N, C-alpha and C. Protein backbone atom coordinates (compact mmCIF):
# COMPACT_ATOMS: atom_id res chain seq x y z
N UNK A 1 -13.29 -158.21 214.33
CA UNK A 1 -12.36 -157.50 213.50
C UNK A 1 -13.02 -157.24 212.16
N UNK A 2 -12.84 -156.02 211.65
CA UNK A 2 -13.33 -155.66 210.32
C UNK A 2 -12.19 -155.04 209.53
N UNK A 3 -12.08 -155.40 208.26
CA UNK A 3 -11.07 -154.84 207.37
C UNK A 3 -11.81 -154.20 206.20
N UNK A 4 -11.48 -152.94 205.92
CA UNK A 4 -12.13 -152.20 204.84
C UNK A 4 -11.08 -151.61 203.92
N UNK A 5 -11.27 -151.76 202.61
CA UNK A 5 -10.40 -151.10 201.65
C UNK A 5 -10.91 -149.68 201.46
N UNK A 6 -10.04 -148.69 201.70
CA UNK A 6 -10.43 -147.29 201.62
C UNK A 6 -9.43 -146.52 200.77
N UNK A 7 -9.72 -145.25 200.53
CA UNK A 7 -8.76 -144.34 199.90
C UNK A 7 -8.50 -143.22 200.88
N UNK A 8 -7.24 -142.82 201.01
CA UNK A 8 -6.90 -141.80 201.98
C UNK A 8 -6.08 -140.68 201.38
N UNK A 9 -5.98 -139.60 202.13
CA UNK A 9 -5.22 -138.43 201.71
C UNK A 9 -4.49 -137.92 202.93
N UNK A 10 -3.20 -137.77 202.81
CA UNK A 10 -2.43 -137.30 203.95
C UNK A 10 -1.03 -136.95 203.52
N UNK A 11 -0.06 -137.32 204.31
CA UNK A 11 1.33 -137.03 203.98
C UNK A 11 1.84 -137.88 202.84
N UNK A 12 1.26 -139.05 202.67
CA UNK A 12 1.69 -139.90 201.56
C UNK A 12 1.27 -139.23 200.26
N UNK A 13 2.17 -139.23 199.32
CA UNK A 13 1.97 -138.50 198.08
C UNK A 13 1.18 -139.33 197.09
N UNK A 14 0.26 -138.66 196.39
CA UNK A 14 -0.49 -139.33 195.32
C UNK A 14 0.41 -139.54 194.12
N UNK A 15 -0.19 -139.86 193.01
CA UNK A 15 0.58 -140.10 191.79
C UNK A 15 -0.22 -139.63 190.59
N UNK A 16 0.40 -139.67 189.43
CA UNK A 16 -0.31 -139.28 188.21
C UNK A 16 -0.53 -140.52 187.35
N UNK A 17 -1.63 -140.50 186.63
CA UNK A 17 -1.95 -141.60 185.71
C UNK A 17 -2.28 -141.02 184.35
N UNK A 18 -2.04 -141.81 183.33
CA UNK A 18 -2.35 -141.41 181.97
C UNK A 18 -3.61 -142.13 181.52
N UNK A 19 -4.60 -141.37 181.07
CA UNK A 19 -5.86 -141.95 180.61
C UNK A 19 -6.24 -141.28 179.30
N UNK A 20 -6.30 -142.07 178.24
CA UNK A 20 -6.67 -141.57 176.90
C UNK A 20 -5.85 -140.35 176.50
N UNK A 21 -4.55 -140.43 176.78
CA UNK A 21 -3.65 -139.38 176.37
C UNK A 21 -3.57 -138.18 177.30
N UNK A 22 -4.39 -138.12 178.33
CA UNK A 22 -4.37 -137.01 179.27
C UNK A 22 -3.82 -137.48 180.61
N UNK A 23 -3.07 -136.62 181.25
CA UNK A 23 -2.48 -136.96 182.53
C UNK A 23 -3.37 -136.43 183.66
N UNK A 24 -3.66 -137.28 184.64
CA UNK A 24 -4.52 -136.93 185.76
C UNK A 24 -3.76 -137.13 187.06
N UNK A 25 -4.00 -136.25 188.00
CA UNK A 25 -3.40 -136.38 189.32
C UNK A 25 -4.36 -137.17 190.21
N UNK A 26 -3.83 -138.21 190.82
CA UNK A 26 -4.62 -139.03 191.73
C UNK A 26 -4.13 -138.74 193.15
N UNK A 27 -4.91 -137.97 193.90
CA UNK A 27 -4.49 -137.55 195.23
C UNK A 27 -4.82 -138.56 196.31
N UNK A 28 -5.87 -139.33 196.11
CA UNK A 28 -6.24 -140.32 197.10
C UNK A 28 -5.46 -141.60 196.85
N UNK A 29 -4.93 -142.16 197.91
CA UNK A 29 -4.09 -143.35 197.83
C UNK A 29 -4.84 -144.52 198.46
N UNK A 30 -4.81 -145.71 197.83
CA UNK A 30 -5.49 -146.87 198.40
C UNK A 30 -4.87 -147.25 199.75
N UNK A 31 -5.72 -147.53 200.71
CA UNK A 31 -5.28 -147.90 202.06
C UNK A 31 -6.21 -148.97 202.61
N UNK A 32 -5.86 -149.50 203.75
CA UNK A 32 -6.72 -150.46 204.45
C UNK A 32 -7.05 -149.91 205.83
N UNK A 33 -8.27 -150.13 206.23
CA UNK A 33 -8.70 -149.72 207.58
C UNK A 33 -9.05 -150.99 208.36
N UNK A 34 -8.45 -151.11 209.52
CA UNK A 34 -8.63 -152.28 210.37
C UNK A 34 -9.28 -151.81 211.66
N UNK A 35 -10.42 -152.40 212.01
CA UNK A 35 -11.10 -152.07 213.26
C UNK A 35 -11.16 -153.33 214.12
N UNK A 36 -10.67 -153.19 215.34
CA UNK A 36 -10.59 -154.34 216.25
C UNK A 36 -11.12 -153.91 217.62
N UNK A 37 -11.99 -154.70 218.20
CA UNK A 37 -12.47 -154.45 219.56
C UNK A 37 -11.92 -155.56 220.45
N UNK A 38 -11.16 -155.15 221.48
CA UNK A 38 -10.55 -156.14 222.38
C UNK A 38 -10.74 -155.70 223.82
N UNK A 39 -10.56 -156.63 224.73
CA UNK A 39 -10.61 -156.31 226.16
C UNK A 39 -9.44 -155.37 226.48
N UNK A 40 -9.64 -154.50 227.45
CA UNK A 40 -8.63 -153.48 227.76
C UNK A 40 -7.27 -154.05 228.14
N UNK A 41 -7.24 -155.24 228.73
CA UNK A 41 -5.95 -155.81 229.12
C UNK A 41 -5.18 -156.39 227.93
N UNK A 42 -5.80 -156.41 226.74
CA UNK A 42 -5.13 -156.93 225.54
C UNK A 42 -4.71 -155.84 224.56
N UNK A 43 -5.01 -154.58 224.87
CA UNK A 43 -4.76 -153.48 223.93
C UNK A 43 -3.30 -153.40 223.50
N UNK A 44 -2.38 -153.37 224.46
CA UNK A 44 -0.96 -153.24 224.12
C UNK A 44 -0.47 -154.42 223.28
N UNK A 45 -0.92 -155.60 223.61
CA UNK A 45 -0.52 -156.80 222.87
C UNK A 45 -1.02 -156.74 221.42
N UNK A 46 -2.25 -156.30 221.22
CA UNK A 46 -2.83 -156.21 219.88
C UNK A 46 -2.14 -155.11 219.07
N UNK A 47 -1.90 -153.95 219.70
CA UNK A 47 -1.20 -152.87 219.00
C UNK A 47 0.19 -153.31 218.57
N UNK A 48 0.93 -153.97 219.46
CA UNK A 48 2.26 -154.48 219.11
C UNK A 48 2.19 -155.45 217.94
N UNK A 49 1.20 -156.33 217.93
CA UNK A 49 1.06 -157.30 216.84
C UNK A 49 0.78 -156.59 215.51
N UNK A 50 -0.08 -155.57 215.53
CA UNK A 50 -0.39 -154.83 214.31
C UNK A 50 0.85 -154.10 213.80
N UNK A 51 1.54 -153.39 214.68
CA UNK A 51 2.73 -152.63 214.29
C UNK A 51 3.80 -153.57 213.74
N UNK A 52 4.09 -154.65 214.43
CA UNK A 52 5.15 -155.57 213.99
C UNK A 52 4.81 -156.26 212.68
N UNK A 53 3.55 -156.46 212.40
CA UNK A 53 3.14 -157.15 211.18
C UNK A 53 2.99 -156.21 209.99
N UNK A 54 2.45 -155.03 210.23
CA UNK A 54 2.08 -154.14 209.12
C UNK A 54 3.11 -153.07 208.79
N UNK A 55 4.07 -152.83 209.64
CA UNK A 55 5.03 -151.75 209.44
C UNK A 55 5.92 -152.01 208.23
N UNK A 56 5.98 -151.00 207.33
CA UNK A 56 6.86 -151.10 206.16
C UNK A 56 8.05 -150.17 206.28
N UNK A 57 7.94 -149.15 207.16
CA UNK A 57 9.02 -148.18 207.30
C UNK A 57 8.93 -147.05 206.28
N UNK A 58 7.89 -147.04 205.48
CA UNK A 58 7.71 -146.01 204.47
C UNK A 58 6.66 -145.00 204.90
N UNK A 59 6.69 -143.82 204.25
CA UNK A 59 5.66 -142.82 204.50
C UNK A 59 4.31 -143.42 204.15
N UNK A 60 3.31 -143.18 205.00
CA UNK A 60 1.98 -143.72 204.74
C UNK A 60 1.70 -145.01 205.48
N UNK A 61 2.60 -145.41 206.37
CA UNK A 61 2.36 -146.61 207.17
C UNK A 61 1.07 -146.52 207.96
N UNK A 62 0.65 -145.31 208.29
CA UNK A 62 -0.64 -145.15 208.93
C UNK A 62 -0.56 -144.76 210.38
N UNK A 63 -1.71 -144.79 211.00
CA UNK A 63 -1.85 -144.41 212.40
C UNK A 63 -2.70 -145.45 213.10
N UNK A 64 -2.53 -145.53 214.39
CA UNK A 64 -3.37 -146.39 215.21
C UNK A 64 -4.08 -145.50 216.21
N UNK A 65 -5.39 -145.54 216.18
CA UNK A 65 -6.21 -144.79 217.13
C UNK A 65 -6.78 -145.77 218.15
N UNK A 66 -6.69 -145.41 219.41
CA UNK A 66 -7.20 -146.27 220.48
C UNK A 66 -8.26 -145.48 221.24
N UNK A 67 -9.43 -146.06 221.38
CA UNK A 67 -10.48 -145.38 222.12
C UNK A 67 -11.20 -146.38 223.02
N UNK A 68 -11.81 -145.84 224.07
CA UNK A 68 -12.56 -146.69 224.99
C UNK A 68 -13.88 -147.11 224.35
N UNK A 69 -14.29 -148.29 224.67
CA UNK A 69 -15.56 -148.82 224.21
C UNK A 69 -16.43 -148.96 225.45
N UNK A 70 -17.47 -148.13 225.54
CA UNK A 70 -18.29 -148.11 226.75
C UNK A 70 -19.09 -149.38 226.94
N UNK A 71 -19.71 -149.84 225.88
CA UNK A 71 -20.52 -151.06 225.96
C UNK A 71 -20.39 -151.83 224.67
N UNK A 72 -20.62 -153.12 224.76
CA UNK A 72 -20.70 -153.94 223.56
C UNK A 72 -21.79 -154.99 223.77
N UNK A 73 -22.38 -155.39 222.68
CA UNK A 73 -23.46 -156.36 222.76
C UNK A 73 -23.40 -157.24 221.53
N UNK A 74 -23.58 -158.52 221.71
CA UNK A 74 -23.55 -159.48 220.62
C UNK A 74 -24.94 -160.07 220.43
N UNK A 75 -25.40 -160.05 219.20
CA UNK A 75 -26.69 -160.66 218.87
C UNK A 75 -26.43 -161.85 217.99
N UNK A 76 -27.11 -162.94 218.01
CA UNK A 76 -28.32 -163.22 218.77
C UNK A 76 -28.03 -163.83 220.14
N UNK A 77 -26.75 -163.88 220.54
CA UNK A 77 -26.38 -164.59 221.77
C UNK A 77 -26.66 -163.81 223.04
N UNK A 78 -27.04 -162.54 222.92
CA UNK A 78 -27.37 -161.68 224.05
C UNK A 78 -26.22 -161.54 225.04
N UNK A 79 -25.00 -161.61 224.52
CA UNK A 79 -23.83 -161.39 225.37
C UNK A 79 -23.59 -159.89 225.47
N UNK A 80 -23.02 -159.46 226.59
CA UNK A 80 -22.72 -158.04 226.77
C UNK A 80 -21.29 -157.85 227.23
N UNK A 81 -20.78 -156.65 226.98
CA UNK A 81 -19.48 -156.17 227.41
C UNK A 81 -18.36 -157.17 227.06
N UNK A 82 -17.50 -157.55 228.01
CA UNK A 82 -16.35 -158.42 227.70
C UNK A 82 -16.76 -159.76 227.10
N UNK A 83 -17.87 -160.29 227.52
CA UNK A 83 -18.34 -161.57 226.99
C UNK A 83 -18.66 -161.46 225.50
N UNK A 84 -19.12 -160.29 225.05
CA UNK A 84 -19.47 -160.08 223.65
C UNK A 84 -18.24 -159.94 222.76
N UNK A 85 -17.10 -159.62 223.36
CA UNK A 85 -15.88 -159.48 222.59
C UNK A 85 -15.27 -160.84 222.34
């Protein structure tokens, strides 16, 4: 699992800030990006856990993208595929 602090732009509205007497529009909104690699039989369980934990019910809650992972490899243990997860 990896968590990254990012800035995003989408349906969630930016805001304005005052700096040295001038007003600036801030269009990018701070967000978090979570990347998780799991075995295919755990996908629904992990998605449910993320949604139930992170959902605020407000605009900008985000999206969950699910994609297939063809191969995985762990170093230095030389594990591959499901064993590497």
